[in-house]
Amino acid sequence: MNGLTDFQIEMRAFELDLEDLRPPAMAHPMSADHVTKYVYRLYQRAALDGNLELFQEVEAELDGAIARLGAAPDLCLLKANLDFKLHRVAETKRDLEMSPGLAETSQGRAISADIVFQEGNYEKAGQLYEALVEKERTWDNLARLAHLRARLGDVAAADQLYVEAEDELTAKEMRSFAWVELQRGLLHSAYGRFPQAHEHYDRANRGYSGYWLVKEHIANLLAAEHKLEQAATIYRNVLQRVPKPEIQQALGDIYRHMGKQREAEECFQKALAVYLQSADRGEVHYYHHLVDFYCDAHRDAEQALKWARQDIELRNNSSTQAAMARALHLAGRHDEARQMIDRALSSGVREPGLFLQAGKIHSAAGGNGMGEHYLKLAAELNPHHSAFHVHHHH
C-alpha cells in the first residue's frame, strides 16, 4: 500500500469503518448493536491516535447511548475502560456496578484487579491477576501480572511473563505485540540495560511500523543515553503527529540539558497550558504530570504539593506517594518527605528510580545512614541512572 506504515494503515481502516458504522448508529429507532460497534470503534481509534481530545468525543457518544439505551453491559464496560484510562478510579467502580453481573465477567474482573493495583494494594492485585491468568491465559492478563512483578522488582519473572504473553498473540495482533515489546524495553531501560532496551524497541518498530508510542519510547531511551540531538529530533517528529503535553515537557527537558533555555521555556509553557486547561475542565489524568512539572521544569513547591494532594486523593499508591514525597522534599519538609517515601517503599515496590529518590530524601532528612543505603541499592540496580526520568503511563 504505497509505503504507508502499519500505524497509518490501521488508522485509515478505523476511519473507513467509522464512515460505514456512523449512519446505522445514528438511525432511528436506535439499535444497541450498531451504536455499540460505532462507539467501540471510536474508542479504539482514540486509544491508538493518542490525542486525548478524541476521548471527549467517545465519552459524549457513550453517555448519549447509555442515556437512551440504558446500562447495556458492553457500553458500561467501554465506559469503565475509558474512565480507567483517564485515571478516574471511583467512576470506573461505578461503571462496573451500573450493569448487573458486569464485574463478574472476565473483562470486569480484569478491570477490578487493575483498580486494586491503582489503589496500591499490590499483594491483593497479585492474587487477582494470578486468578485471572489461571482462568484465562490471555496475553493481556499475562501482561498485567508481568507489570506487577516488574513493580515488585522481580525482573526475570516479569520478562518471562511478557514472553508468554507474546506466545499467546497471533500474527494479526502486531500492535499488541509491539506494546508488549515496549514493556520489555521499559523494564530493561529502568535497570540501565540500554542495548537490550533498544533491541526490544526495534522489534516493536519492525512488528508494527510508524507508531508514535514506539518512537516516544526510543526518544526517552536516547535521552537516558545522553544522545540529546537524536532524542530531540524524534520528539519533535512525534509532536507533529501527537501534540501530547508530556512529550512537549520531555523535549523541554532535553533543550534545557543542551543549554537551549529559550526553546526549553517555550516547550514548558506549551505543556503547562495543556495540563492546566485539562485540570480546569475537571479532568484528573494530568495531576501526576503537574506534580512532576512543578518539581522539575518550573520548581514551585506550593504548586507541586497542591497537585500531589489531589493525585493521592484519587489513587493512593506507591507512585502518588513517591510524587508527594518529592514535593515535600522540594518544600524542605524533609521529615514528612521521609515518612511519605517510606510509605511508598513499604508497599513492596522495588524499582531503581524509587530507591534513588528514597536515597536523596533520606540523605536530606539526615541521621540514620539509610540515605546511603538506598543510593547504593539504586546504583547497584541501575548503574546508568541519568538526570532524565520520564513518566510512563499505561
Protein backbone atom coordinates (compact mmCIF):
# COMPACT_ATOMS: atom_id res chain seq x y z
CA MET A 1 0.00 0.00 0.00
CA ASN A 2 2.10 2.90 -1.39
CA GLY A 3 4.56 2.94 1.51
CA LEU A 4 2.14 3.52 4.37
CA THR A 5 3.24 2.42 7.84
CA ASP A 6 1.29 -0.19 9.81
CA PHE A 7 0.04 2.60 12.06
CA GLN A 8 -1.24 4.66 9.10
CA ILE A 9 -2.91 1.62 7.56
CA GLU A 10 -4.73 0.84 10.81
CA MET A 11 -5.76 4.47 11.39
CA ARG A 12 -7.11 4.62 7.84
CA ALA A 13 -9.04 1.37 8.39
CA PHE A 14 -10.60 2.86 11.56
CA GLU A 15 -11.66 5.98 9.63
CA LEU A 16 -13.28 3.89 6.88
CA ASP A 17 -15.00 1.66 9.45
CA LEU A 18 -16.36 4.71 11.24
CA GLU A 19 -17.77 6.11 8.00
CA ASP A 20 -19.62 2.80 7.47
CA LEU A 21 -20.75 2.47 11.08
CA ARG A 22 -21.89 6.07 11.61
CA PRO A 23 -25.15 6.06 9.55
CA PRO A 24 -26.67 2.90 11.10
CA ALA A 25 -25.57 4.08 14.57
CA MET A 26 -27.37 7.39 14.06
CA ALA A 27 -30.52 5.84 12.61
CA HIS A 28 -33.89 5.77 14.41
CA PRO A 29 -35.03 3.67 16.09
CA MET A 30 -31.68 3.20 17.75
CA SER A 31 -30.06 -0.24 17.53
CA ALA A 32 -27.93 -1.21 20.52
CA ASP A 33 -25.75 -3.38 18.33
CA HIS A 34 -24.97 -0.64 15.78
CA VAL A 35 -24.36 2.00 18.42
CA THR A 36 -22.08 -0.26 20.44
CA LYS A 37 -19.98 -1.17 17.39
CA TYR A 38 -19.68 2.50 16.43
CA VAL A 39 -18.68 3.75 19.90
CA TYR A 40 -16.26 0.86 20.38
CA ARG A 41 -14.52 1.80 17.10
CA LEU A 42 -14.36 5.44 18.19
CA TYR A 43 -12.70 4.30 21.41
CA GLN A 44 -10.17 2.12 19.58
CA ARG A 45 -9.28 4.98 17.27
CA ALA A 46 -8.82 7.39 20.19
CA ALA A 47 -6.61 4.91 22.06
CA LEU A 48 -4.41 4.37 19.01
CA ASP A 49 -4.25 8.02 18.00
CA GLY A 50 -3.03 9.23 21.39
CA ASN A 51 -4.88 12.53 21.15
CA LEU A 52 -6.89 12.88 24.36
CA GLU A 53 -9.44 15.18 22.75
CA LEU A 54 -10.75 12.20 20.77
CA PHE A 55 -11.72 10.58 24.09
CA GLN A 56 -14.07 13.51 24.77
CA GLU A 57 -15.94 12.63 21.58
CA VAL A 58 -16.09 8.96 22.66
CA GLU A 59 -17.38 9.95 26.08
CA ALA A 60 -20.13 12.18 24.65
CA GLU A 61 -21.33 9.41 22.29
CA LEU A 62 -21.10 6.80 25.03
CA ASP A 63 -23.05 8.83 27.58
CA GLY A 64 -25.70 9.58 24.95
CA ALA A 65 -26.03 5.91 24.09
CA ILE A 66 -26.33 4.85 27.75
CA ALA A 67 -28.92 7.58 28.37
CA ARG A 68 -31.07 6.27 25.51
CA LEU A 69 -30.41 2.53 25.66
CA GLY A 70 -29.83 2.03 29.38
CA ALA A 71 -26.91 0.32 31.05
CA ALA A 72 -26.08 -2.31 28.42
CA PRO A 73 -23.11 -4.42 29.61
CA ASP A 74 -20.96 -3.66 26.55
CA LEU A 75 -21.48 0.09 26.90
CA CYS A 76 -20.80 0.04 30.65
CA LEU A 77 -17.64 -1.98 30.08
CA LEU A 78 -16.46 0.52 27.50
CA LYS A 79 -17.21 3.38 29.90
CA ALA A 80 -15.23 1.59 32.62
CA ASN A 81 -12.27 1.22 30.26
CA LEU A 82 -12.48 4.88 29.29
CA ASP A 83 -12.72 6.13 32.88
CA PHE A 84 -9.89 3.87 33.97
CA LYS A 85 -7.68 5.11 31.12
CA LEU A 86 -8.31 8.66 32.34
CA HIS A 87 -7.40 7.76 35.97
CA ARG A 88 -10.97 8.13 37.27
CA VAL A 89 -10.91 5.24 39.70
CA ALA A 90 -14.15 5.95 41.61
CA GLU A 91 -16.08 6.39 38.34
CA THR A 92 -14.68 3.12 37.00
CA LYS A 93 -16.07 1.26 40.02
CA ARG A 94 -19.47 2.89 39.43
CA ASP A 95 -19.44 1.91 35.76
CA LEU A 96 -18.87 -1.74 36.67
CA GLU A 97 -21.80 -1.61 39.11
CA MET A 98 -24.18 0.02 36.59
CA SER A 99 -24.77 -3.24 34.76
CA PRO A 100 -25.64 -6.24 36.98
CA GLY A 101 -23.12 -9.06 36.69
CA LEU A 102 -20.62 -6.99 34.68
CA ALA A 103 -18.00 -7.04 37.45
CA GLU A 104 -18.12 -10.87 37.38
CA THR A 105 -17.32 -11.19 33.66
CA SER A 106 -13.69 -11.85 32.73
CA GLN A 107 -13.21 -8.27 31.48
CA GLY A 108 -14.96 -6.87 34.54
CA ARG A 109 -12.69 -8.87 36.83
CA ALA A 110 -9.61 -7.67 34.94
CA ILE A 111 -10.59 -4.01 35.39
CA SER A 112 -11.43 -4.63 39.07
CA ALA A 113 -7.94 -6.10 39.56
CA ASP A 114 -6.41 -3.05 37.81
CA ILE A 115 -8.31 -0.81 40.26
CA VAL A 116 -6.84 -2.72 43.22
CA PHE A 117 -3.39 -2.21 41.64
CA GLN A 118 -4.05 1.53 41.21
CA GLU A 119 -5.10 1.73 44.85
CA GLY A 120 -1.68 0.41 45.84
CA ASN A 121 -2.72 -2.96 47.25
CA TYR A 122 -0.11 -4.94 45.33
CA GLU A 123 -0.49 -8.16 47.27
CA LYS A 124 -4.20 -8.40 46.58
CA ALA A 125 -3.71 -7.25 42.97
CA GLY A 126 -1.19 -10.08 42.53
CA GLN A 127 -3.68 -12.64 43.79
CA LEU A 128 -6.39 -11.31 41.47
CA TYR A 129 -4.06 -11.26 38.47
CA GLU A 130 -2.92 -14.82 39.16
CA ALA A 131 -6.55 -15.94 39.39
CA LEU A 132 -7.26 -14.21 36.05
CA VAL A 133 -4.33 -15.92 34.34
CA GLU A 134 -5.33 -19.24 35.85
CA LYS A 135 -8.81 -18.91 34.39
CA GLU A 136 -7.99 -17.15 31.11
CA ARG A 137 -4.42 -17.24 29.95
CA THR A 138 -4.75 -14.28 27.56
CA TRP A 139 -1.85 -12.07 26.53
CA ASP A 140 -3.24 -9.04 28.34
CA ASN A 141 -3.78 -10.92 31.62
CA LEU A 142 -0.20 -12.22 31.44
CA ALA A 143 1.00 -8.67 30.74
CA ARG A 144 -0.93 -7.37 33.78
CA LEU A 145 0.78 -9.89 36.04
CA ALA A 146 4.14 -9.11 34.41
CA HIS A 147 3.72 -5.39 35.12
CA LEU A 148 3.05 -6.13 38.78
CA ARG A 149 6.09 -8.44 39.06
CA ALA A 150 8.22 -5.70 37.49
CA ARG A 151 6.97 -3.18 40.06
CA LEU A 152 7.97 -5.53 42.87
CA GLY A 153 11.46 -5.94 41.44
CA ASP A 154 11.18 -9.48 40.08
CA VAL A 155 12.56 -8.61 36.66
CA ALA A 156 13.23 -12.17 35.48
CA ALA A 157 9.70 -13.31 36.31
CA ALA A 158 8.23 -10.20 34.66
CA ASP A 159 10.18 -10.69 31.45
CA GLN A 160 9.26 -14.38 31.33
CA LEU A 161 5.57 -13.48 31.65
CA TYR A 162 5.93 -10.95 28.82
CA VAL A 163 7.47 -13.70 26.66
CA GLU A 164 4.49 -15.93 27.49
CA ALA A 165 2.13 -13.05 26.61
CA GLU A 166 3.78 -12.77 23.20
CA ASP A 167 3.32 -16.50 22.67
CA GLU A 168 -0.46 -16.02 23.05
CA LEU A 169 -0.58 -13.43 20.27
CA THR A 170 -1.40 -14.22 16.66
CA ALA A 171 0.26 -12.73 13.58
CA LYS A 172 -2.76 -10.44 13.23
CA GLU A 173 -2.10 -8.80 16.60
CA MET A 174 1.09 -6.94 15.76
CA ARG A 175 0.10 -3.76 17.59
CA SER A 176 -0.34 -5.77 20.79
CA PHE A 177 2.99 -7.49 20.13
CA ALA A 178 4.64 -4.08 19.76
CA TRP A 179 3.07 -2.93 23.03
CA VAL A 180 4.43 -5.97 24.90
CA GLU A 181 7.88 -5.37 23.36
CA LEU A 182 7.71 -1.78 24.64
CA GLN A 183 7.01 -3.06 28.15
CA ARG A 184 10.03 -5.37 27.92
CA GLY A 185 12.15 -2.47 26.69
CA LEU A 186 10.96 -0.27 29.55
CA LEU A 187 11.87 -2.97 32.02
CA HIS A 188 15.46 -3.13 30.72
CA SER A 189 15.69 0.65 30.45
CA ALA A 190 14.72 1.11 34.12
CA TYR A 191 17.70 -1.06 35.08
CA GLY A 192 20.14 0.72 32.76
CA ARG A 193 20.35 -2.16 30.26
CA PHE A 194 20.18 0.14 27.28
CA PRO A 195 21.30 -2.22 24.48
CA GLN A 196 18.60 -4.75 25.46
CA ALA A 197 16.01 -1.96 25.64
CA HIS A 198 16.97 -0.86 22.11
CA GLU A 199 16.56 -4.43 20.86
CA HIS A 200 13.00 -4.62 22.18
CA TYR A 201 12.09 -1.19 20.82
CA ASP A 202 13.47 -2.17 17.42
CA ARG A 203 11.40 -5.35 17.47
CA ALA A 204 8.33 -3.28 18.33
CA ASN A 205 9.09 -0.94 15.46
CA ARG A 206 9.57 -3.77 12.99
CA GLY A 207 6.45 -5.60 14.17
CA TYR A 208 4.21 -2.54 13.91
CA SER A 209 5.79 0.32 11.97
CA GLY A 210 5.15 4.05 12.27
CA TYR A 211 3.64 4.00 15.77
CA TRP A 212 4.23 7.26 17.69
CA LEU A 213 4.27 5.38 21.01
CA VAL A 214 7.27 3.31 19.91
CA LYS A 215 9.09 6.45 18.73
CA GLU A 216 8.38 8.17 22.04
CA HIS A 217 9.96 5.24 23.93
CA ILE A 218 13.01 5.30 21.65
CA ALA A 219 13.43 9.04 22.26
CA ASN A 220 13.22 8.50 26.05
CA LEU A 221 15.91 5.86 25.81
CA LEU A 222 18.20 8.06 23.69
CA ALA A 223 17.75 10.84 26.25
CA ALA A 224 18.78 8.46 29.04
CA GLU A 225 21.90 7.67 26.98
CA HIS A 226 22.57 11.43 26.64
CA LYS A 227 22.11 11.29 22.86
CA LEU A 228 20.25 14.56 23.11
CA GLU A 229 20.19 15.73 19.48
CA GLN A 230 18.78 12.38 18.30
CA ALA A 231 16.20 12.33 21.09
CA ALA A 232 15.10 15.92 20.36
CA THR A 233 14.65 15.15 16.65
CA ILE A 234 12.37 12.19 17.40
CA TYR A 235 10.34 14.11 19.98
CA ARG A 236 9.78 16.97 17.51
CA ASN A 237 8.71 14.43 14.94
CA VAL A 238 6.24 12.77 17.30
CA LEU A 239 4.83 16.13 18.41
CA GLN A 240 3.84 16.93 14.83
CA ARG A 241 1.69 13.80 14.87
CA VAL A 242 0.52 13.79 18.52
CA PRO A 243 0.64 17.11 20.40
CA LYS A 244 0.90 15.48 23.83
CA PRO A 245 1.97 17.85 26.60
CA GLU A 246 4.12 15.25 28.38
CA ILE A 247 6.16 14.86 25.17
CA GLN A 248 6.37 18.65 24.94
CA GLN A 249 7.74 18.67 28.51
CA ALA A 250 10.24 15.90 27.71
CA LEU A 251 11.51 17.92 24.74
CA GLY A 252 11.81 20.94 27.04
CA ASP A 253 13.95 18.88 29.43
CA ILE A 254 16.27 17.97 26.59
CA TYR A 255 16.61 21.57 25.40
CA ARG A 256 17.42 22.59 28.97
CA HIS A 257 20.17 19.97 29.17
CA MET A 258 21.52 21.24 25.86
CA GLY A 259 21.63 24.76 27.29
CA LYS A 260 18.85 25.99 24.98
CA GLN A 261 16.90 27.86 27.66
CA ARG A 262 14.56 29.78 25.36
CA GLU A 263 13.44 26.66 23.45
CA ALA A 264 13.08 24.79 26.73
CA GLU A 265 10.87 27.50 28.20
CA GLU A 266 8.68 27.53 25.08
CA CYS A 267 8.08 23.79 25.42
CA PHE A 268 7.39 24.07 29.16
CA GLN A 269 4.83 26.86 28.63
CA LYS A 270 3.02 24.83 25.97
CA ALA A 271 2.93 21.72 28.16
CA LEU A 272 1.77 23.63 31.24
CA ALA A 273 -1.05 25.35 29.32
CA VAL A 274 -2.49 21.97 28.27
CA TYR A 275 -2.10 20.44 31.76
CA LEU A 276 -3.90 23.36 33.38
CA GLN A 277 -6.66 23.59 30.76
CA SER A 278 -7.33 19.91 31.30
CA ALA A 279 -7.45 20.32 35.10
CA ASP A 280 -9.77 23.34 34.69
CA ARG A 281 -12.19 21.13 32.77
CA GLY A 282 -12.29 18.86 35.81
CA GLU A 283 -10.10 16.16 34.25
CA VAL A 284 -7.67 14.37 36.53
CA HIS A 285 -5.26 12.44 34.29
CA TYR A 286 -2.57 15.15 34.26
CA TYR A 287 -2.31 15.60 38.04
CA HIS A 288 0.74 13.33 38.17
CA HIS A 289 2.38 15.26 35.34
CA LEU A 290 1.69 18.56 37.12
CA VAL A 291 3.50 17.33 40.24
CA ASP A 292 6.42 16.31 38.06
CA PHE A 293 6.31 19.64 36.21
CA TYR A 294 6.46 21.74 39.38
CA CYS A 295 9.17 19.52 40.91
CA ASP A 296 11.36 19.77 37.85
CA ALA A 297 10.52 22.06 34.91
CA HIS A 298 9.29 25.06 36.96
CA ARG A 299 10.24 24.43 40.57
CA ASP A 300 7.35 25.56 42.73
CA ALA A 301 6.90 23.56 45.94
CA GLU A 302 3.48 25.02 46.73
CA GLN A 303 2.05 24.05 43.33
CA ALA A 304 3.75 20.64 43.44
CA LEU A 305 2.15 19.93 46.83
CA LYS A 306 -1.26 21.14 45.65
CA TRP A 307 -1.34 18.68 42.72
CA ALA A 308 0.29 15.87 44.70
CA ARG A 309 -2.51 16.12 47.28
CA GLN A 310 -5.18 15.95 44.60
CA ASP A 311 -3.49 13.00 42.91
CA ILE A 312 -3.08 11.00 46.10
CA GLU A 313 -6.77 11.52 46.92
CA LEU A 314 -7.66 9.77 43.66
CA ARG A 315 -5.24 6.87 43.89
CA ASN A 316 -3.16 6.37 46.98
CA ASN A 317 -0.36 4.11 45.72
CA SER A 318 3.44 3.94 45.66
CA SER A 319 3.64 6.26 42.61
CA THR A 320 1.45 9.01 44.05
CA GLN A 321 3.18 8.64 47.44
CA ALA A 322 6.60 8.98 45.79
CA ALA A 323 5.37 12.07 43.93
CA MET A 324 4.10 13.56 47.21
CA ALA A 325 7.47 12.78 48.83
CA ARG A 326 9.24 14.65 46.01
CA ALA A 327 7.01 17.68 46.52
CA LEU A 328 7.57 17.66 50.31
CA HIS A 329 11.33 17.32 49.71
CA LEU A 330 11.23 20.33 47.37
CA ALA A 331 9.35 22.28 50.05
CA GLY A 332 12.13 21.50 52.52
CA ARG A 333 9.77 19.42 54.68
CA HIS A 334 12.33 16.64 54.97
CA ASP A 335 10.86 14.61 57.84
CA GLU A 336 7.44 14.44 56.18
CA ALA A 337 9.10 13.61 52.86
CA ARG A 338 10.96 10.75 54.54
CA GLN A 339 7.76 9.38 56.12
CA MET A 340 6.00 9.53 52.75
CA ILE A 341 8.79 7.84 50.78
CA ASP A 342 8.93 5.13 53.47
CA ARG A 343 5.23 4.53 52.87
CA ALA A 344 5.90 4.12 49.15
CA LEU A 345 8.72 1.68 49.93
CA SER A 346 6.57 -0.29 52.39
CA SER A 347 4.25 -1.25 49.51
CA GLY A 348 6.91 -3.72 48.37
CA VAL A 349 7.80 -1.81 45.21
CA ARG A 350 11.45 -2.31 44.31
CA GLU A 351 12.48 -0.05 41.45
CA PRO A 352 15.82 1.69 40.89
CA GLY A 353 14.11 5.06 40.42
CA LEU A 354 12.24 4.78 43.72
CA PHE A 355 15.42 3.80 45.59
CA LEU A 356 17.29 6.75 44.06
CA GLN A 357 14.57 9.11 45.23
CA ALA A 358 14.49 7.48 48.68
CA GLY A 359 18.26 7.91 48.91
CA LYS A 360 18.08 11.64 48.17
CA ILE A 361 15.20 12.19 50.59
CA HIS A 362 16.75 10.18 53.44
CA SER A 363 20.08 11.95 52.92
CA ALA A 364 18.37 15.35 53.15
CA ALA A 365 16.50 14.28 56.30
CA GLY A 366 19.81 13.10 57.76
CA GLY A 367 20.54 10.79 60.59
CA ASN A 368 20.26 7.08 60.13
CA GLY A 369 22.52 6.21 57.18
CA MET A 370 19.50 4.99 55.16
CA GLY A 371 20.21 7.62 52.51
CA GLU A 372 23.49 5.94 51.56
CA HIS A 373 21.84 2.53 51.75
CA TYR A 374 19.16 3.43 49.18
CA LEU A 375 21.56 5.31 46.91
CA LYS A 376 23.82 2.25 46.87
CA LEU A 377 20.86 -0.01 46.08
CA ALA A 378 19.79 2.26 43.22
CA ALA A 379 23.32 2.32 41.77
CA GLU A 380 23.60 -1.48 42.01
CA LEU A 381 20.30 -1.98 40.18
CA ASN A 382 20.91 0.73 37.59
CA PRO A 383 24.49 1.95 37.19
CA HIS A 384 23.40 4.37 34.43
CA HIS A 385 20.85 6.40 36.32
CA SER A 386 20.72 9.70 34.50
CA ALA A 387 19.14 13.09 35.01
CA PHE A 388 16.31 12.05 32.72
CA HIS A 389 13.34 10.47 34.26
CA VAL A 390 10.29 10.30 32.06
CA HIS A 391 6.96 9.18 33.41
CA HIS A 392 5.32 6.32 31.60
CA HIS A 393 1.64 5.80 31.95
CA HIS A 394 -0.12 2.69 30.86
